[in-house]
């Protein structure tokens, strides 16, 4: 059985890369499960991220002007018509699934959703915080820790997949399943990852705070995403640091897994990277760098899987340094964080989503 999966998700300096990265995870699993074609329709401002999509074997259609510009929906519907023509030929020879369309973004209005379904596609909509008045999808997916508390207004037949049991992890992370990480008496390897763009250069604020620590046994690795504009500044500043710091620029999924398996502790933005850290058993401090990260950061804190430091602008360097020291020296706290994290994300989320899509 084969089927077409079309994904509509964007990436910019302000929106980050999280929407596209979790859609890559869905696309990988779709191809593994059904052998079908995966196509991205995207306004993506970063060449490296576009290439990453292509390297996964997915097709890519660029959009110059994203919604709410009217050309977005018009061009998207024209692309869907071309796919429908191809599907009609394929269906004469193969058992095919009805094609699925994935929307991942906060500004795709109810009218946009209606237009996709009217074009003959099943619609999976991925959301994080219920910002629209209503939703008109076949499946509504919110894989966040507080999703079940949100009062979504949906069609009666909409299937709601809510909570971290549906977190879509990329193939490279899912392959890590079953591995048990050794917990050292004292954490020494610190991973800093503040998102794919980090326009406010929060990463620099974090590593400057870490440099205040006098512990010579600490080492930091800083992940800088493909859209990060601050690399020259960070390189210049860390050249004078006493803390050993190395930079990892635009890591592949395999490189990101390697960095997480190396880490004893992470300082992370409150985006989808938190779910990967949970799965890879990395205790974490969470810094909120965007409004939609509040629920993730504080939700993980309440669940006991992380310590949330709040909004980045209100985070004092001395407080961050103090929290790092507390976790570095407290093995039992880190063990408890990891236990709760793996209860939160078990790695089977994307398979649960595909099972519903395939019914």
Protein backbone atom coordinates (compact mmCIF):
# COMPACT_ATOMS: atom_id res chain seq x y z
CA UNK A 1 0.00 0.00 0.00
CA UNK A 2 1.35 3.44 -0.86
CA UNK A 3 0.11 6.95 -0.35
CA UNK A 4 1.02 10.57 -0.84
CA UNK A 5 1.94 12.81 2.08
CA UNK A 6 2.15 16.54 1.42
CA UNK A 7 3.49 18.80 4.15
CA UNK A 8 2.97 22.54 4.44
CA UNK A 9 5.37 24.07 7.00
CA UNK A 10 7.62 27.14 7.07
CA UNK A 11 10.85 28.29 8.65
CA UNK A 12 12.13 31.81 9.21
CA UNK A 13 14.33 33.67 11.67
CA UNK A 14 11.30 34.34 13.86
CA UNK A 15 9.47 31.00 13.59
CA UNK A 16 12.58 28.82 13.91
CA UNK A 17 13.02 25.35 12.40
CA UNK A 18 10.92 23.26 14.78
CA UNK A 19 7.85 23.00 12.53
CA UNK A 20 9.90 21.60 9.68
CA UNK A 21 11.99 19.29 11.85
CA UNK A 22 9.00 17.51 13.37
CA UNK A 23 7.43 17.26 9.93
CA UNK A 24 10.63 15.62 8.70
CA UNK A 25 10.12 13.07 11.48
CA UNK A 26 6.58 12.43 10.27
CA UNK A 27 7.75 12.19 6.66
CA UNK A 28 10.49 9.68 7.50
CA UNK A 29 8.07 7.43 9.37
CA UNK A 30 5.45 7.73 6.61
CA UNK A 31 7.94 6.56 4.00
CA UNK A 32 9.10 3.69 6.23
CA UNK A 33 5.54 2.58 6.97
CA UNK A 34 3.82 3.05 3.63
CA UNK A 35 6.56 3.58 1.07
CA UNK A 36 4.72 6.63 -0.18
CA UNK A 37 6.06 9.87 -1.57
CA UNK A 38 6.63 12.86 0.72
CA UNK A 39 6.53 16.44 -0.52
CA UNK A 40 7.18 19.70 1.33
CA UNK A 41 5.53 22.96 0.30
CA UNK A 42 7.40 25.60 2.23
CA UNK A 43 8.51 29.15 2.70
CA UNK A 44 11.96 28.26 4.00
CA UNK A 45 14.55 31.02 4.20
CA UNK A 46 17.52 28.81 4.95
CA UNK A 47 19.44 26.99 2.22
CA UNK A 48 20.88 24.38 4.60
CA UNK A 49 17.44 23.47 5.91
CA UNK A 50 16.03 23.17 2.39
CA UNK A 51 18.92 20.89 1.48
CA UNK A 52 18.25 18.78 4.57
CA UNK A 53 14.70 18.17 3.33
CA UNK A 54 16.00 17.16 -0.09
CA UNK A 55 18.66 14.91 1.44
CA UNK A 56 15.89 12.92 3.13
CA UNK A 57 14.55 12.07 -0.32
CA UNK A 58 11.58 14.43 -0.10
CA UNK A 59 10.39 16.71 -2.88
CA UNK A 60 10.37 20.45 -2.20
CA UNK A 61 8.18 23.21 -3.64
CA UNK A 62 9.25 26.73 -2.53
CA UNK A 63 6.78 29.48 -1.64
CA UNK A 64 7.92 33.09 -1.90
CA UNK A 65 5.02 34.62 0.01
CA UNK A 66 3.54 32.59 2.88
CA UNK A 67 -0.01 32.81 4.20
CA UNK A 68 -1.83 35.15 4.78
CA UNK A 69 -0.58 36.30 1.35
CA UNK A 70 -3.22 35.02 -1.12
CA UNK A 71 -0.61 33.49 -3.44
CA UNK A 72 0.18 30.86 -0.79
CA UNK A 73 -3.15 29.04 -0.91
CA UNK A 74 -3.50 29.55 -4.66
CA UNK A 75 -0.13 27.98 -5.44
CA UNK A 76 -0.66 25.23 -2.87
CA UNK A 77 -3.98 24.23 -4.43
CA UNK A 78 -2.39 24.21 -7.90
CA UNK A 79 0.29 21.84 -6.61
CA UNK A 80 -2.40 19.60 -5.12
CA UNK A 81 -4.20 19.45 -8.47
CA UNK A 82 -1.04 18.20 -10.14
CA UNK A 83 -0.70 15.49 -7.51
CA UNK A 84 -4.31 14.44 -7.96
CA UNK A 85 -3.66 13.88 -11.66
CA UNK A 86 -0.73 11.63 -10.85
CA UNK A 87 -2.68 9.75 -8.18
CA UNK A 88 -5.47 8.94 -10.64
CA UNK A 89 -2.94 7.20 -12.89
CA UNK A 90 -1.30 5.32 -10.02
CA UNK A 91 -4.61 4.18 -8.55
CA UNK A 92 -5.39 2.14 -11.68
CA UNK A 93 -2.45 -0.12 -10.89
CA UNK A 94 -1.91 0.03 -7.11
CA UNK A 95 -3.90 -0.02 -3.92
CA UNK A 96 -3.46 3.56 -2.73
CA UNK A 97 -4.42 5.44 0.39
CA UNK A 98 -6.33 8.67 0.15
CA UNK A 99 -3.64 11.40 0.16
CA UNK A 100 -2.88 13.23 3.38
CA UNK A 101 -2.01 16.89 3.78
CA UNK A 102 -0.16 18.13 6.88
CA UNK A 103 -0.40 21.72 8.09
CA UNK A 104 2.12 22.77 10.74
CA UNK A 105 1.94 26.43 11.72
CA UNK A 106 -0.14 28.83 13.77
CA UNK A 107 -1.56 31.08 11.06
CA UNK A 108 -3.33 28.63 8.77
CA UNK A 109 -6.86 29.91 9.23
CA UNK A 110 -10.06 27.84 9.25
CA UNK A 111 -10.68 28.98 5.65
CA UNK A 112 -7.27 27.62 4.64
CA UNK A 113 -8.08 24.32 6.32
CA UNK A 114 -11.47 24.11 4.58
CA UNK A 115 -9.81 24.72 1.20
CA UNK A 116 -7.43 21.78 1.67
CA UNK A 117 -10.23 19.39 2.64
CA UNK A 118 -12.43 20.66 -0.20
CA UNK A 119 -9.57 19.78 -2.57
CA UNK A 120 -10.06 16.11 -1.60
CA UNK A 121 -7.27 15.66 0.91
CA UNK A 122 -7.40 14.33 4.43
CA UNK A 123 -5.97 16.96 6.75
CA UNK A 124 -3.63 16.50 9.70
CA UNK A 125 -3.11 19.79 11.53
CA UNK A 126 -0.24 20.13 14.01
CA UNK A 127 -0.71 22.77 16.69
CA UNK A 128 0.90 23.81 19.96
CA UNK A 129 -1.33 26.22 21.83
CA UNK A 130 -4.90 26.57 20.47
CA UNK A 131 -4.65 30.09 19.08
CA UNK A 132 -7.40 29.78 16.42
CA UNK A 133 -11.14 30.09 17.07
CA UNK A 134 -11.83 26.67 15.53
CA UNK A 135 -10.16 23.81 13.67
CA UNK A 136 -11.41 21.83 10.67
CA UNK A 137 -9.08 18.86 10.28
CA UNK A 138 -9.50 15.10 10.15
CA UNK A 139 -6.79 14.81 12.81
CA UNK A 140 -5.62 17.50 15.22
CA UNK A 141 -2.18 16.72 16.67
CA UNK A 142 -0.75 18.59 19.64
CA UNK A 143 2.20 16.59 21.04
CA UNK A 144 2.89 18.89 23.98
CA UNK A 145 2.76 18.13 27.66
CA UNK A 146 -0.23 20.37 28.44
CA UNK A 147 -2.22 19.63 25.28
CA UNK A 148 -5.01 17.72 26.98
CA UNK A 149 -5.92 20.79 29.03
CA UNK A 150 -6.65 22.90 25.93
CA UNK A 151 -10.30 23.34 24.98
CA UNK A 152 -10.13 22.92 21.21
CA UNK A 153 -13.20 23.75 19.12
CA UNK A 154 -13.22 21.15 16.32
CA UNK A 155 -15.55 19.35 13.95
CA UNK A 156 -17.44 16.50 15.57
CA UNK A 157 -15.52 13.93 13.55
CA UNK A 158 -12.06 15.38 14.26
CA UNK A 159 -9.72 12.90 15.95
CA UNK A 160 -7.65 14.68 18.59
CA UNK A 161 -4.19 13.29 19.36
CA UNK A 162 -3.07 15.23 22.41
CA UNK A 163 -0.05 14.85 24.65
CA UNK A 164 3.55 13.69 24.60
CA UNK A 165 2.62 10.09 23.75
CA UNK A 166 2.31 11.45 20.19
CA UNK A 167 5.65 13.29 20.00
CA UNK A 168 7.12 12.65 16.50
CA UNK A 169 10.82 11.88 16.73
CA UNK A 170 13.14 11.69 13.77
CA UNK A 171 14.38 8.28 12.68
CA UNK A 172 17.88 8.92 13.98
CA UNK A 173 16.51 9.48 17.49
CA UNK A 174 14.10 6.54 17.38
CA UNK A 175 17.06 4.26 16.66
CA UNK A 176 18.41 5.24 20.08
CA UNK A 177 15.46 3.46 21.74
CA UNK A 178 16.36 1.01 24.48
CA UNK A 179 19.78 2.49 25.21
CA UNK A 180 20.50 3.22 28.84
CA UNK A 181 22.71 6.18 29.62
CA UNK A 182 25.30 6.02 32.39
CA UNK A 183 24.74 8.70 35.01
CA UNK A 184 28.04 10.08 36.39
CA UNK A 185 28.41 11.11 40.01
CA UNK A 186 29.08 14.63 38.83
CA UNK A 187 27.95 16.08 35.50
CA UNK A 188 30.82 17.38 33.40
CA UNK A 189 29.54 17.54 29.82
CA UNK A 190 27.19 20.49 29.25
CA UNK A 191 25.19 20.82 26.03
CA UNK A 192 23.74 24.22 25.10
CA UNK A 193 21.05 24.29 22.42
CA UNK A 194 18.88 27.37 22.02
CA UNK A 195 16.99 26.62 18.82
CA UNK A 196 17.59 26.76 15.10
CA UNK A 197 17.67 30.55 14.84
CA UNK A 198 18.27 32.19 18.25
CA UNK A 199 17.84 35.79 16.98
CA UNK A 200 18.33 37.19 20.51
CA UNK A 201 21.64 35.34 20.96
CA UNK A 202 20.51 33.65 24.15
CA UNK A 203 23.22 31.03 23.60
CA UNK A 204 25.88 33.67 24.26
CA UNK A 205 24.16 34.74 27.48
CA UNK A 206 24.10 31.12 28.64
CA UNK A 207 27.75 30.32 27.91
CA UNK A 208 28.87 33.62 29.48
CA UNK A 209 27.07 32.50 32.64
CA UNK A 210 28.72 29.08 32.44
CA UNK A 211 32.10 30.76 32.11
CA UNK A 212 31.58 32.20 35.59
CA UNK A 213 31.87 28.70 37.01
CA UNK A 214 35.29 27.86 38.38
CA UNK A 215 34.96 24.09 38.00
CA UNK A 216 37.79 23.00 35.69
CA UNK A 217 36.09 19.66 35.02
CA UNK A 218 33.26 21.23 33.04
CA UNK A 219 33.18 21.29 29.25
CA UNK A 220 30.51 22.85 27.04
CA UNK A 221 29.35 22.13 23.51
CA UNK A 222 27.09 24.73 21.93
CA UNK A 223 24.71 23.81 19.13
CA UNK A 224 24.11 26.65 16.67
CA UNK A 225 21.27 25.99 14.26
CA UNK A 226 21.39 26.46 10.48
CA UNK A 227 19.69 29.86 10.72
CA UNK A 228 21.76 31.27 13.58
CA UNK A 229 23.16 34.73 12.68
CA UNK A 230 25.43 35.08 15.72
CA UNK A 231 28.26 32.66 15.00
CA UNK A 232 31.07 35.23 14.41
CA UNK A 233 30.22 37.03 17.67
CA UNK A 234 30.16 33.81 19.69
CA UNK A 235 33.42 32.57 18.16
CA UNK A 236 35.13 35.81 19.09
CA UNK A 237 33.85 35.85 22.68
CA UNK A 238 34.61 32.22 23.57
CA UNK A 239 38.21 32.56 22.38
CA UNK A 240 39.00 34.19 25.74
CA UNK A 241 36.95 31.82 27.91
CA UNK A 242 38.50 29.71 30.65
CA UNK A 243 35.66 27.21 30.17
CA UNK A 244 36.37 24.78 27.30
CA UNK A 245 33.70 25.52 24.68
CA UNK A 246 33.26 23.98 21.24
CA UNK A 247 30.66 24.94 18.65
CA UNK A 248 28.51 22.56 16.63
CA UNK A 249 27.03 24.36 13.62
CA UNK A 250 23.95 23.06 11.80
CA UNK A 251 24.32 19.48 13.03
CA UNK A 252 22.70 16.60 11.17
CA UNK A 253 20.24 14.43 13.06
CA UNK A 254 22.97 11.84 13.69
CA UNK A 255 25.31 14.53 14.98
CA UNK A 256 22.58 15.83 17.27
CA UNK A 257 22.00 12.37 18.71
CA UNK A 258 25.75 12.05 19.28
CA UNK A 259 25.83 15.41 21.09
CA UNK A 260 22.95 14.38 23.33
CA UNK A 261 24.46 11.01 24.19
CA UNK A 262 27.67 12.87 25.12
CA UNK A 263 25.88 15.33 27.40
CA UNK A 264 25.39 14.90 31.14
CA UNK A 265 23.26 18.04 31.31
CA UNK A 266 21.66 20.39 28.78
CA UNK A 267 20.53 23.99 28.73
CA UNK A 268 17.83 24.11 26.07
CA UNK A 269 15.21 26.38 24.60
CA UNK A 270 11.67 25.22 25.30
CA UNK A 271 10.96 23.90 21.81
CA UNK A 272 10.79 20.44 20.27
CA UNK A 273 14.43 19.75 21.17
CA UNK A 274 13.16 19.16 24.71
CA UNK A 275 11.38 16.00 23.56
CA UNK A 276 14.59 14.71 21.97
CA UNK A 277 16.50 15.42 25.18
CA UNK A 278 13.82 13.60 27.16
CA UNK A 279 14.13 10.55 24.93
CA UNK A 280 17.95 10.63 25.05
CA UNK A 281 17.87 10.78 28.86
CA UNK A 282 19.53 14.17 29.28
CA UNK A 283 18.64 16.20 32.41
CA UNK A 284 17.88 19.75 31.35
CA UNK A 285 17.43 23.36 32.27
CA UNK A 286 14.86 25.02 30.01
CA UNK A 287 15.01 28.65 28.88
CA UNK A 288 11.88 30.10 27.28
CA UNK A 289 12.81 32.07 24.15
CA UNK A 290 9.36 32.27 22.48
CA UNK A 291 5.83 32.67 23.77
CA UNK A 292 4.71 29.24 22.54
CA UNK A 293 7.40 27.58 24.70
CA UNK A 294 5.81 28.51 28.03
CA UNK A 295 3.67 25.39 28.23
CA UNK A 296 6.58 23.09 27.38
CA UNK A 297 9.05 24.65 29.80
CA UNK A 298 6.76 24.90 32.79
CA UNK A 299 5.01 21.64 31.96
CA UNK A 300 8.30 19.72 32.02
CA UNK A 301 9.22 21.48 35.25
CA UNK A 302 5.95 20.43 36.89
CA UNK A 303 6.38 16.88 35.61
CA UNK A 304 9.82 16.70 37.16
CA UNK A 305 11.64 16.16 33.86
CA UNK A 306 13.39 19.55 33.78
CA UNK A 307 13.99 22.77 35.64
CA UNK A 308 12.46 25.79 33.90
CA UNK A 309 14.36 29.08 34.22
CA UNK A 310 11.58 31.18 32.71
CA UNK A 311 11.73 33.90 30.08
CA UNK A 312 15.23 34.51 28.72
CA UNK A 313 15.13 38.29 29.20
CA UNK A 314 14.38 37.86 32.91
CA UNK A 315 17.02 35.18 33.50
CA UNK A 316 19.97 36.44 35.53
CA UNK A 317 23.38 34.96 34.75
CA UNK A 318 24.11 34.27 38.41
CA UNK A 319 20.83 32.35 38.76
CA UNK A 320 21.62 30.20 35.72
CA UNK A 321 25.11 29.47 37.05
CA UNK A 322 23.65 28.54 40.43
CA UNK A 323 21.10 26.16 38.90
CA UNK A 324 23.81 24.49 36.81
CA UNK A 325 25.94 23.91 39.90
CA UNK A 326 22.99 22.43 41.77
CA UNK A 327 22.25 19.88 39.05
CA UNK A 328 25.90 19.11 38.29
CA UNK A 329 26.45 18.05 41.90
CA UNK A 330 23.13 16.26 42.48
CA UNK A 331 23.15 12.80 40.90
CA UNK A 332 19.85 11.76 42.47
CA UNK A 333 18.12 14.81 41.00
CA UNK A 334 19.45 13.99 37.54
CA UNK A 335 18.38 10.37 37.86
CA UNK A 336 14.87 11.47 38.78
CA UNK A 337 14.72 13.93 35.89
CA UNK A 338 15.68 11.21 33.42
CA UNK A 339 13.14 8.77 34.84
CA UNK A 340 10.36 11.32 34.45
CA UNK A 341 11.59 12.36 31.00
CA UNK A 342 11.37 8.83 29.58
CA UNK A 343 7.87 8.49 31.03
CA UNK A 344 7.05 11.66 29.13
CA UNK A 345 8.51 10.59 25.75
CA UNK A 346 8.78 6.87 24.97
CA UNK A 347 9.78 7.20 21.30
CA UNK A 348 6.67 5.58 19.78
CA UNK A 349 4.71 8.76 19.17
CA UNK A 350 5.05 8.93 15.41
CA UNK A 351 3.95 5.30 15.03
CA UNK A 352 0.81 6.09 17.04
CA UNK A 353 0.05 9.00 14.73
CA UNK A 354 0.58 6.90 11.58
CA UNK A 355 -1.68 4.17 12.93
CA UNK A 356 -4.53 6.64 13.16
CA UNK A 357 -3.75 8.07 9.72
CA UNK A 358 -3.78 4.57 8.23
CA UNK A 359 -7.19 3.56 9.61
